[in-house]
Protein backbone atom coordinates (compact mmCIF):
# COMPACT_ATOMS: atom_id res chain seq x y z
CA MET A 1 9.83 80.30 118.44
CA ALA A 2 11.39 76.99 119.83
CA ALA A 3 11.25 78.54 123.09
CA LEU A 4 7.55 79.84 123.28
CA LEU A 5 6.11 76.94 121.93
CA PRO A 6 5.66 75.49 125.64
CA GLN A 7 3.37 77.73 125.89
CA ALA A 8 1.80 77.32 123.43
CA LYS A 9 -2.05 75.10 123.96
CA VAL A 10 -2.91 75.35 120.48
CA SER A 11 -1.34 72.97 118.00
CA LYS A 12 -0.05 74.60 114.58
CA ALA A 13 -2.58 72.32 113.64
CA SER A 14 -6.03 73.76 114.72
CA ALA A 15 -4.53 76.97 114.87
CA THR A 16 -3.99 75.82 110.04
CA LYS A 17 -7.20 75.53 110.74
CA SER A 18 -8.93 77.99 112.33
CA ALA A 19 -7.21 80.81 110.28
CA LEU A 20 -8.07 79.23 107.04
CA ALA A 21 -11.78 79.10 108.06
CA ALA A 22 -11.99 82.74 108.73
CA VAL A 23 -10.75 83.34 105.02
CA ALA A 24 -12.14 81.53 102.27
CA ASN A 25 -10.48 79.85 99.72
CA GLY A 26 -7.50 81.06 101.05
CA THR A 27 -3.90 79.54 100.81
CA LEU A 28 -1.36 79.95 103.57
CA LYS A 29 1.23 82.00 102.13
CA GLU A 30 4.42 80.93 104.44
CA ASP A 31 5.09 78.84 107.77
CA ALA A 32 3.17 80.13 110.99
CA GLU A 33 4.46 82.26 113.44
CA LEU A 34 4.77 81.14 117.64
CA GLU A 35 5.02 85.28 118.58
CA LYS A 36 3.93 86.88 121.05
CA GLU A 37 2.27 90.81 119.74
CA ASN A 38 0.16 93.27 122.04
CA GLY A 39 0.92 90.12 125.24
CA LYS A 40 0.04 87.84 123.84
CA LEU A 41 1.01 84.29 122.96
CA VAL A 42 0.12 83.95 119.08
CA TRP A 43 -0.18 82.12 116.70
CA SER A 44 0.81 84.42 113.43
CA PHE A 45 -0.97 83.55 109.56
CA ASP A 46 -0.35 85.24 106.61
CA ILE A 47 -2.84 83.84 103.91
CA SER A 48 -3.47 84.43 100.18
CA LYS A 49 -6.80 85.18 97.95
CA PRO A 50 -6.54 84.07 94.30
CA GLY A 51 -7.26 87.20 92.27
CA THR A 52 -5.76 89.11 94.99
CA THR A 53 -2.98 90.71 95.89
CA THR A 54 -3.74 91.87 99.52
CA ILE A 55 -2.53 89.34 102.33
CA THR A 56 -4.64 88.83 105.49
CA GLU A 57 -2.93 88.68 108.21
CA ILE A 58 -4.77 86.29 110.90
CA MET A 59 -3.53 85.91 114.83
CA VAL A 60 -5.43 83.01 116.62
CA ASP A 61 -4.50 83.45 120.59
CA ALA A 62 -2.02 79.86 121.05
CA VAL A 63 -4.29 79.89 124.49
CA THR A 64 -7.30 79.80 124.00
CA GLY A 65 -8.04 79.72 120.18
CA ALA A 66 -9.63 82.39 120.09
CA ILE A 67 -8.79 84.54 116.53
CA VAL A 68 -7.38 88.10 118.20
CA SER A 69 -6.71 89.78 114.92
CA ASN A 70 -8.01 89.47 111.39
CA GLU A 71 -6.25 92.58 109.17
CA GLN A 72 -6.12 92.60 105.06
CA GLU A 73 -1.91 93.83 104.81
CA THR A 74 -0.85 94.97 101.10
CA ALA A 75 2.85 94.22 99.83
CA LYS A 76 4.18 97.89 101.36
CA ASP A 77 2.37 96.54 103.96
CA GLN A 78 4.19 93.56 104.04
CA LYS A 79 7.95 94.93 102.93
CA LYS A 80 7.63 97.58 106.37
CA GLU A 81 6.61 94.63 108.70
CA ALA A 82 9.18 92.30 107.35
CA ALA A 83 12.01 95.04 107.59
CA ALA A 84 10.07 95.75 110.86
CA ASP A 85 11.27 92.18 111.55
CA LYS A 86 14.11 92.19 111.69
CA LYS A 87 15.41 94.65 112.37
CA GLU A 88 12.90 93.55 115.33
CA LYS A 89 15.05 90.26 115.18
CA GLY A 90 18.84 92.12 115.07
CA TRP A 91 19.29 90.56 111.01
């Protein structure tokens, strides 16, 4: 993430505000990640809502500030994604 930070024109704080505004009553499940997704530099957020077991993954373009993805993920989806991240990062 540190290597990508100089490329981001949208601050983490600003992206967080946008992501939380996209999910009514949502709270951040974990800290944001700055990553390349489908060739775009994005801030990625996992947001939970009270009374649900799903997670909403919001991706905010780190250059324009636009929300580029808003997807619901189940616990199974989260585990699959975590395993793929570990493999990608060589953990």
